[in-house]
Amino acid sequence: MKGLFNKVRNQPTRRRFVVSTICKGENSFETAIFEANFFYLPRSWSRPAVIVATATKDEAWDLHHLLTDRLTKEYPPRLFQEYS
């Protein structure tokens, strides 16, 4: 398995996001959050709202699920500020 991908709709703001986790190398994983349009297509692939790097697969998967859950319920700017 190379990565994870989730579509998220934020409940308080009704904005849409895409959370993506990819394997960058043998021990390098990257989780990114992209703002998305109505069809859940990222508005800009080159400018994600947040990028978080992790060293292990388990950390990356846990972080991906944590960000997906929190982004569903919390205000996005607060979450982005915490992880930038």
PDB file of N, CA and C in Angstrom:
ATOM      1  N   MET A   1       0.827  -1.176   0.000  1.00  0.00           N
ATOM      2  CA  MET A   1       0.000   0.000   0.000  1.00  0.00           C
ATOM      3  C   MET A   1       0.876   1.245   0.000  1.00  0.00           C
ATOM      4  N   LYS A   2       0.665   2.143  -0.943  1.00  0.00           N
ATOM      5  CA  LYS A   2       1.514   3.325  -1.095  1.00  0.00           C
ATOM      6  C   LYS A   2       0.993   4.553  -0.378  1.00  0.00           C
ATOM      7  N   GLY A   3      -0.323   4.697  -0.202  1.00  0.00           N
ATOM      8  CA  GLY A   3      -0.821   5.902   0.444  1.00  0.00           C
ATOM      9  C   GLY A   3      -2.302   5.827   0.772  1.00  0.00           C
ATOM     10  N   LEU A   4      -2.766   6.886   1.417  1.00  0.00           N
ATOM     11  CA  LEU A   4      -4.177   7.005   1.794  1.00  0.00           C
ATOM     12  C   LEU A   4      -4.750   8.277   1.194  1.00  0.00           C
ATOM     13  N   PHE A   5      -6.065   8.293   1.023  1.00  0.00           N
ATOM     14  CA  PHE A   5      -6.745   9.435   0.429  1.00  0.00           C
ATOM     15  C   PHE A   5      -8.157   9.504   1.010  1.00  0.00           C
ATOM     16  N   ASN A   6      -8.534  10.661   1.564  1.00  0.00           N
ATOM     17  CA  ASN A   6      -9.884  10.826   2.106  1.00  0.00           C
ATOM     18  C   ASN A   6     -10.472  12.161   1.673  1.00  0.00           C
ATOM     19  N   LYS A   7     -11.780  12.130   1.401  1.00  0.00           N
ATOM     20  CA  LYS A   7     -12.533  13.349   1.137  1.00  0.00           C
ATOM     21  C   LYS A   7     -13.203  13.750   2.440  1.00  0.00           C
ATOM     22  N   VAL A   8     -13.098  15.033   2.803  1.00  0.00           N
ATOM     23  CA  VAL A   8     -13.624  15.505   4.073  1.00  0.00           C
ATOM     24  C   VAL A   8     -14.472  16.747   3.843  1.00  0.00           C
ATOM     25  N   ARG A   9     -15.638  16.764   4.484  1.00  0.00           N
ATOM     26  CA  ARG A   9     -16.467  17.965   4.470  1.00  0.00           C
ATOM     27  C   ARG A   9     -16.508  18.487   5.901  1.00  0.00           C
ATOM     28  N   ASN A  10     -16.025  19.692   6.097  1.00  0.00           N
ATOM     29  CA  ASN A  10     -15.975  20.308   7.408  1.00  0.00           C
ATOM     30  C   ASN A  10     -17.382  20.727   7.817  1.00  0.00           C
ATOM     31  N   GLN A  11     -17.845  20.267   8.980  1.00  0.00           N
ATOM     32  CA  GLN A  11     -19.208  20.548   9.422  1.00  0.00           C
ATOM     33  C   GLN A  11     -19.448  22.010   9.786  1.00  0.00           C
ATOM     34  N   PRO A  12     -18.561  22.679  10.559  1.00  0.00           N
ATOM     35  CA  PRO A  12     -18.848  24.076  10.914  1.00  0.00           C
ATOM     36  C   PRO A  12     -18.843  25.036   9.728  1.00  0.00           C
ATOM     37  N   THR A  13     -17.923  24.853   8.771  1.00  0.00           N
ATOM     38  CA  THR A  13     -17.801  25.807   7.659  1.00  0.00           C
ATOM     39  C   THR A  13     -18.378  25.287   6.352  1.00  0.00           C
ATOM     40  N   ARG A  14     -18.675  24.003   6.286  1.00  0.00           N
ATOM     41  CA  ARG A  14     -19.203  23.342   5.082  1.00  0.00           C
ATOM     42  C   ARG A  14     -18.221  23.386   3.904  1.00  0.00           C
ATOM     43  N   ARG A  15     -16.940  23.615   4.185  1.00  0.00           N
ATOM     44  CA  ARG A  15     -15.912  23.596   3.145  1.00  0.00           C
ATOM     45  C   ARG A  15     -15.440  22.166   2.938  1.00  0.00           C
ATOM     46  N   ARG A  16     -14.902  21.908   1.758  1.00  0.00           N
ATOM     47  CA  ARG A  16     -14.438  20.562   1.404  1.00  0.00           C
ATOM     48  C   ARG A  16     -12.909  20.534   1.339  1.00  0.00           C
ATOM     49  N   PHE A  17     -12.359  19.390   1.767  1.00  0.00           N
ATOM     50  CA  PHE A  17     -10.918  19.192   1.787  1.00  0.00           C
ATOM     51  C   PHE A  17     -10.589  17.776   1.342  1.00  0.00           C
ATOM     52  N   VAL A  18      -9.347  17.601   0.923  1.00  0.00           N
ATOM     53  CA  VAL A  18      -8.810  16.284   0.590  1.00  0.00           C
ATOM     54  C   VAL A  18      -7.588  16.073   1.477  1.00  0.00           C
ATOM     55  N   VAL A  19      -7.561  14.945   2.176  1.00  0.00           N
ATOM     56  CA  VAL A  19      -6.415  14.576   3.015  1.00  0.00           C
ATOM     57  C   VAL A  19      -5.704  13.425   2.315  1.00  0.00           C
ATOM     58  N   SER A  20      -4.421  13.612   2.055  1.00  0.00           N
ATOM     59  CA  SER A  20      -3.655  12.624   1.301  1.00  0.00           C
ATOM     60  C   SER A  20      -2.353  12.303   2.023  1.00  0.00           C
ATOM     61  N   THR A  21      -2.058  11.019   2.150  1.00  0.00           N
ATOM     62  CA  THR A  21      -0.796  10.568   2.739  1.00  0.00           C
ATOM     63  C   THR A  21      -0.081   9.709   1.714  1.00  0.00           C
ATOM     64  N   ILE A  22       1.186  10.043   1.462  1.00  0.00           N
ATOM     65  CA  ILE A  22       1.970   9.296   0.475  1.00  0.00           C
ATOM     66  C   ILE A  22       3.299   8.864   1.074  1.00  0.00           C
ATOM     67  N   CYS A  23       3.875   7.866   0.464  1.00  0.00           N
ATOM     68  CA  CYS A  23       5.209   7.383   0.829  1.00  0.00           C
ATOM     69  C   CYS A  23       6.220   8.110  -0.050  1.00  0.00           C
ATOM     70  N   LYS A  24       7.095   8.899   0.562  1.00  0.00           N
ATOM     71  CA  LYS A  24       8.086   9.666  -0.190  1.00  0.00           C
ATOM     72  C   LYS A  24       9.386   8.894  -0.387  1.00  0.00           C
ATOM     73  N   GLY A  25       9.643   7.951   0.471  1.00  0.00           N
ATOM     74  CA  GLY A  25      10.870   7.166   0.407  1.00  0.00           C
ATOM     75  C   GLY A  25      10.723   5.969   1.316  1.00  0.00           C
ATOM     76  N   GLU A  26      11.833   5.322   1.624  1.00  0.00           N
ATOM     77  CA  GLU A  26      11.758   4.133   2.454  1.00  0.00           C
ATOM     78  C   GLU A  26      11.244   4.444   3.857  1.00  0.00           C
ATOM     79  N   ASN A  27      11.729   5.501   4.476  1.00  0.00           N
ATOM     80  CA  ASN A  27      11.289   5.876   5.827  1.00  0.00           C
ATOM     81  C   ASN A  27      10.815   7.326   5.861  1.00  0.00           C
ATOM     82  N   SER A  28      10.073   7.717   4.867  1.00  0.00           N
ATOM     83  CA  SER A  28       9.601   9.091   4.791  1.00  0.00           C
ATOM     84  C   SER A  28       8.174   9.122   4.252  1.00  0.00           C
ATOM     85  N   PHE A  29       7.277   9.659   5.049  1.00  0.00           N
ATOM     86  CA  PHE A  29       5.874   9.772   4.655  1.00  0.00           C
ATOM     87  C   PHE A  29       5.444  11.218   4.786  1.00  0.00           C
ATOM     88  N   GLU A  30       4.483  11.608   3.967  1.00  0.00           N
ATOM     89  CA  GLU A  30       4.019  12.991   3.958  1.00  0.00           C
ATOM     90  C   GLU A  30       2.497  13.022   3.900  1.00  0.00           C
ATOM     91  N   THR A  31       1.890  13.765   4.815  1.00  0.00           N
ATOM     92  CA  THR A  31       0.443  13.946   4.844  1.00  0.00           C
ATOM     93  C   THR A  31       0.152  15.388   4.479  1.00  0.00           C
ATOM     94  N   ALA A  32      -0.721  15.587   3.501  1.00  0.00           N
ATOM     95  CA  ALA A  32      -1.063  16.936   3.049  1.00  0.00           C
ATOM     96  C   ALA A  32      -2.576  17.116   3.056  1.00  0.00           C
ATOM     97  N   ILE A  33      -2.996  18.350   3.340  1.00  0.00           N
ATOM     98  CA  ILE A  33      -4.411  18.706   3.279  1.00  0.00           C
ATOM     99  C   ILE A  33      -4.565  19.757   2.185  1.00  0.00           C
ATOM    100  N   PHE A  34      -5.463  19.473   1.248  1.00  0.00           N
ATOM    101  CA  PHE A  34      -5.738  20.384   0.141  1.00  0.00           C
ATOM    102  C   PHE A  34      -7.162  20.919   0.251  1.00  0.00           C
ATOM    103  N   GLU A  35      -7.348  22.200  -0.036  1.00  0.00           N
ATOM    104  CA  GLU A  35      -8.704  22.734  -0.147  1.00  0.00           C
ATOM    105  C   GLU A  35      -9.273  22.215  -1.453  1.00  0.00           C
ATOM    106  N   ALA A  36     -10.550  21.846  -1.450  1.00  0.00           N
ATOM    107  CA  ALA A  36     -11.147  21.215  -2.624  1.00  0.00           C
ATOM    108  C   ALA A  36     -12.400  21.967  -3.076  1.00  0.00           C
ATOM    109  N   ASN A  37     -12.785  21.701  -4.323  1.00  0.00           N
ATOM    110  CA  ASN A  37     -14.011  22.301  -4.854  1.00  0.00           C
ATOM    111  C   ASN A  37     -15.196  21.374  -4.585  1.00  0.00           C
ATOM    112  N   PHE A  38     -16.322  21.662  -5.193  1.00  0.00           N
ATOM    113  CA  PHE A  38     -17.551  20.905  -4.980  1.00  0.00           C
ATOM    114  C   PHE A  38     -17.387  19.411  -5.276  1.00  0.00           C
ATOM    115  N   PHE A  39     -16.556  19.076  -6.261  1.00  0.00           N
ATOM    116  CA  PHE A  39     -16.352  17.687  -6.676  1.00  0.00           C
ATOM    117  C   PHE A  39     -15.172  17.025  -5.969  1.00  0.00           C
ATOM    118  N   TYR A  40     -14.674  17.649  -4.911  1.00  0.00           N
ATOM    119  CA  TYR A  40     -13.536  17.162  -4.140  1.00  0.00           C
ATOM    120  C   TYR A  40     -12.266  17.056  -4.973  1.00  0.00           C
ATOM    121  N   LEU A  41     -12.106  17.942  -5.919  1.00  0.00           N
ATOM    122  CA  LEU A  41     -10.855  18.055  -6.661  1.00  0.00           C
ATOM    123  C   LEU A  41     -10.048  19.187  -6.031  1.00  0.00           C
ATOM    124  N   PRO A  42      -8.779  18.954  -5.704  1.00  0.00           N
ATOM    125  CA  PRO A  42      -7.980  20.009  -5.072  1.00  0.00           C
ATOM    126  C   PRO A  42      -7.925  21.271  -5.935  1.00  0.00           C
ATOM    127  N   ARG A  43      -8.063  22.414  -5.278  1.00  0.00           N
ATOM    128  CA  ARG A  43      -8.000  23.692  -5.991  1.00  0.00           C
ATOM    129  C   ARG A  43      -6.607  23.933  -6.536  1.00  0.00           C
ATOM    130  N   SER A  44      -5.576  23.502  -5.806  1.00  0.00           N
ATOM    131  CA  SER A  44      -4.200  23.671  -6.249  1.00  0.00           C
ATOM    132  C   SER A  44      -3.350  22.522  -5.717  1.00  0.00           C
ATOM    133  N   TRP A  45      -2.831  21.701  -6.624  1.00  0.00           N
ATOM    134  CA  TRP A  45      -1.965  20.590  -6.222  1.00  0.00           C
ATOM    135  C   TRP A  45      -0.631  21.107  -5.701  1.00  0.00           C
ATOM    136  N   SER A  46      -0.195  22.259  -6.182  1.00  0.00           N
ATOM    137  CA  SER A  46       1.126  22.766  -5.806  1.00  0.00           C
ATOM    138  C   SER A  46       1.116  23.546  -4.490  1.00  0.00           C
ATOM    139  N   ARG A  47      -0.068  23.907  -3.981  1.00  0.00           N
ATOM    140  CA  ARG A  47      -0.148  24.682  -2.740  1.00  0.00           C
ATOM    141  C   ARG A  47      -1.107  24.034  -1.739  1.00  0.00           C
ATOM    142  N   PRO A  48      -0.664  23.001  -1.036  1.00  0.00           N
ATOM    143  CA  PRO A  48      -1.530  22.412  -0.001  1.00  0.00           C
ATOM    144  C   PRO A  48      -1.656  23.362   1.184  1.00  0.00           C
ATOM    145  N   ALA A  49      -2.736  23.244   1.923  1.00  0.00           N
ATOM    146  CA  ALA A  49      -2.942  24.086   3.100  1.00  0.00           C
ATOM    147  C   ALA A  49      -1.948  23.721   4.209  1.00  0.00           C
ATOM    148  N   VAL A  50      -1.653  22.428   4.357  1.00  0.00           N
ATOM    149  CA  VAL A  50      -0.727  21.945   5.384  1.00  0.00           C
ATOM    150  C   VAL A  50      -0.008  20.711   4.871  1.00  0.00           C
ATOM    151  N   ILE A  51       1.275  20.597   5.218  1.00  0.00           N
ATOM    152  CA  ILE A  51       2.056  19.380   4.946  1.00  0.00           C
ATOM    153  C   ILE A  51       2.725  18.972   6.253  1.00  0.00           C
ATOM    154  N   VAL A  52       2.567  17.697   6.619  1.00  0.00           N
ATOM    155  CA  VAL A  52       3.189  17.168   7.838  1.00  0.00           C
ATOM    156  C   VAL A  52       3.988  15.930   7.447  1.00  0.00           C
ATOM    157  N   ALA A  53       5.274  15.931   7.801  1.00  0.00           N
ATOM    158  CA  ALA A  53       6.146  14.796   7.491  1.00  0.00           C
ATOM    159  C   ALA A  53       6.250  13.873   8.710  1.00  0.00           C
ATOM    160  N   THR A  54       6.300  12.572   8.444  1.00  0.00           N
ATOM    161  CA  THR A  54       6.479  11.574   9.503  1.00  0.00           C
ATOM    162  C   THR A  54       7.523  10.560   9.052  1.00  0.00           C
ATOM    163  N   ALA A  55       8.045   9.803  10.028  1.00  0.00           N
ATOM    164  CA  ALA A  55       9.141   8.884   9.736  1.00  0.00           C
ATOM    165  C   ALA A  55       8.702   7.440   9.543  1.00  0.00           C
ATOM    166  N   THR A  56       7.589   7.048  10.147  1.00  0.00           N
ATOM    167  CA  THR A  56       7.170   5.652  10.042  1.00  0.00           C
ATOM    168  C   THR A  56       5.773   5.554   9.436  1.00  0.00           C
ATOM    169  N   LYS A  57       5.477   4.381   8.917  1.00  0.00           N
ATOM    170  CA  LYS A  57       4.177   4.138   8.300  1.00  0.00           C
ATOM    171  C   LYS A  57       3.053   4.233   9.330  1.00  0.00           C
ATOM    172  N   ASP A  58       3.279   3.673  10.511  1.00  0.00           N
ATOM    173  CA  ASP A  58       2.248   3.707  11.546  1.00  0.00           C
ATOM    174  C   ASP A  58       1.937   5.132  11.985  1.00  0.00           C
ATOM    175  N   GLU A  59       2.967   5.958  12.153  1.00  0.00           N
ATOM    176  CA  GLU A  59       2.759   7.365  12.500  1.00  0.00           C
ATOM    177  C   GLU A  59       1.968   8.080  11.412  1.00  0.00           C
ATOM    178  N   ALA A  60       2.320   7.815  10.166  1.00  0.00           N
ATOM    179  CA  ALA A  60       1.650   8.461   9.033  1.00  0.00           C
ATOM    180  C   ALA A  60       0.184   8.078   8.964  1.00  0.00           C
ATOM    181  N   TRP A  61      -0.118   6.812   9.150  1.00  0.00           N
ATOM    182  CA  TRP A  61      -1.506   6.350   9.085  1.00  0.00           C
ATOM    183  C   TRP A  61      -2.313   6.933  10.248  1.00  0.00           C
ATOM    184  N   ASP A  62      -1.719   6.927  11.457  1.00  0.00           N
ATOM    185  CA  ASP A  62      -2.402   7.495  12.620  1.00  0.00           C
ATOM    186  C   ASP A  62      -2.652   8.992  12.441  1.00  0.00           C
ATOM    187  N   LEU A  63      -1.652   9.698  11.941  1.00  0.00           N
ATOM    188  CA  LEU A  63      -1.798  11.131  11.701  1.00  0.00           C
ATOM    189  C   LEU A  63      -2.866  11.401  10.642  1.00  0.00           C
ATOM    190  N   HIS A  64      -2.893  10.602   9.597  1.00  0.00           N
ATOM    191  CA  HIS A  64      -3.889  10.763   8.535  1.00  0.00           C
ATOM    192  C   HIS A  64      -5.306  10.641   9.102  1.00  0.00           C
ATOM    193  N   HIS A  65      -5.544   9.609   9.891  1.00  0.00           N
ATOM    194  CA  HIS A  65      -6.871   9.400  10.464  1.00  0.00           C
ATOM    195  C   HIS A  65      -7.220  10.472  11.502  1.00  0.00           C
ATOM    196  N   LEU A  66      -6.231  10.911  12.268  1.00  0.00           N
ATOM    197  CA  LEU A  66      -6.448  11.968  13.249  1.00  0.00           C
ATOM    198  C   LEU A  66      -6.837  13.279  12.546  1.00  0.00           C
ATOM    199  N   LEU A  67      -6.088  13.649  11.504  1.00  0.00           N
ATOM    200  CA  LEU A  67      -6.391  14.876  10.774  1.00  0.00           C
ATOM    201  C   LEU A  67      -7.755  14.802  10.085  1.00  0.00           C
ATOM    202  N   THR A  68      -8.093  13.651   9.537  1.00  0.00           N
ATOM    203  CA  THR A  68      -9.396  13.481   8.896  1.00  0.00           C
ATOM    204  C   THR A  68     -10.526  13.674   9.902  1.00  0.00           C
ATOM    205  N   ASP A  69     -10.409  13.069  11.063  1.00  0.00           N
ATOM    206  CA  ASP A  69     -11.439  13.200  12.099  1.00  0.00           C
ATOM    207  C   ASP A  69     -11.541  14.633  12.614  1.00  0.00           C
ATOM    208  N   ARG A  70     -10.394  15.235  12.899  1.00  0.00           N
ATOM    209  CA  ARG A  70     -10.413  16.601  13.441  1.00  0.00           C
ATOM    210  C   ARG A  70     -10.905  17.609  12.414  1.00  0.00           C
ATOM    211  N   LEU A  71     -10.543  17.431  11.153  1.00  0.00           N
ATOM    212  CA  LEU A  71     -10.956  18.361  10.113  1.00  0.00           C
ATOM    213  C   LEU A  71     -12.458  18.303   9.875  1.00  0.00           C
ATOM    214  N   THR A  72     -13.068  17.190  10.172  1.00  0.00           N
ATOM    215  CA  THR A  72     -14.515  17.060  10.041  1.00  0.00           C
ATOM    216  C   THR A  72     -15.239  17.926  11.068  1.00  0.00           C
ATOM    217  N   LYS A  73     -14.670  18.073  12.256  1.00  0.00           N
ATOM    218  CA  LYS A  73     -15.381  18.711  13.363  1.00  0.00           C
ATOM    219  C   LYS A  73     -14.855  20.082  13.772  1.00  0.00           C
ATOM    220  N   GLU A  74     -13.577  20.378  13.535  1.00  0.00           N
ATOM    221  CA  GLU A  74     -12.964  21.616  14.014  1.00  0.00           C
ATOM    222  C   GLU A  74     -12.849  22.653  12.903  1.00  0.00           C
ATOM    223  N   TYR A  75     -12.626  23.905  13.312  1.00  0.00           N
ATOM    224  CA  TYR A  75     -12.413  24.965  12.335  1.00  0.00           C
ATOM    225  C   TYR A  75     -11.051  24.791  11.665  1.00  0.00           C
ATOM    226  N   PRO A  76     -11.008  24.803  10.332  1.00  0.00           N
ATOM    227  CA  PRO A  76      -9.759  24.543   9.608  1.00  0.00           C
ATOM    228  C   PRO A  76      -8.597  25.474   9.947  1.00  0.00           C
ATOM    229  N   PRO A  77      -8.789  26.807  10.039  1.00  0.00           N
ATOM    230  CA  PRO A  77      -7.616  27.652  10.322  1.00  0.00           C
ATOM    231  C   PRO A  77      -6.922  27.298  11.641  1.00  0.00           C
ATOM    232  N   ARG A  78      -7.684  26.922  12.647  1.00  0.00           N
ATOM    233  CA  ARG A  78      -7.099  26.540  13.931  1.00  0.00           C
ATOM    234  C   ARG A  78      -6.263  25.269  13.782  1.00  0.00           C
ATOM    235  N   LEU A  79      -6.771  24.317  13.052  1.00  0.00           N
ATOM    236  CA  LEU A  79      -6.049  23.063  12.820  1.00  0.00           C
ATOM    237  C   LEU A  79      -4.797  23.297  11.982  1.00  0.00           C
ATOM    238  N   PHE A  80      -4.903  24.128  10.950  1.00  0.00           N
ATOM    239  CA  PHE A  80      -3.756  24.413  10.088  1.00  0.00           C
ATOM    240  C   PHE A  80      -2.656  25.130  10.872  1.00  0.00           C
ATOM    241  N   GLN A  81      -3.048  26.045  11.750  1.00  0.00           N
ATOM    242  CA  GLN A  81      -2.070  26.770  12.552  1.00  0.00           C
ATOM    243  C   GLN A  81      -1.328  25.821  13.491  1.00  0.00           C
ATOM    244  N   GLU A  82      -2.040  24.851  14.030  1.00  0.00           N
ATOM    245  CA  GLU A  82      -1.418  23.893  14.955  1.00  0.00           C
ATOM    246  C   GLU A  82      -0.372  23.031  14.259  1.00  0.00           C
ATOM    247  N   TYR A  83      -0.594  22.660  13.015  1.00  0.00           N
ATOM    248  CA  TYR A  83       0.318  21.756  12.307  1.00  0.00           C
ATOM    249  C   TYR A  83       1.297  22.452  11.368  1.00  0.00           C
ATOM    250  N   SER A  84       1.270  23.791  11.296  1.00  0.00           N
ATOM    251  CA  SER A  84       2.240  24.446  10.422  1.00  0.00           C
ATOM    252  C   SER A  84       3.511  24.781  11.133  1.00  0.00           C
TER     253      SER A  84
END
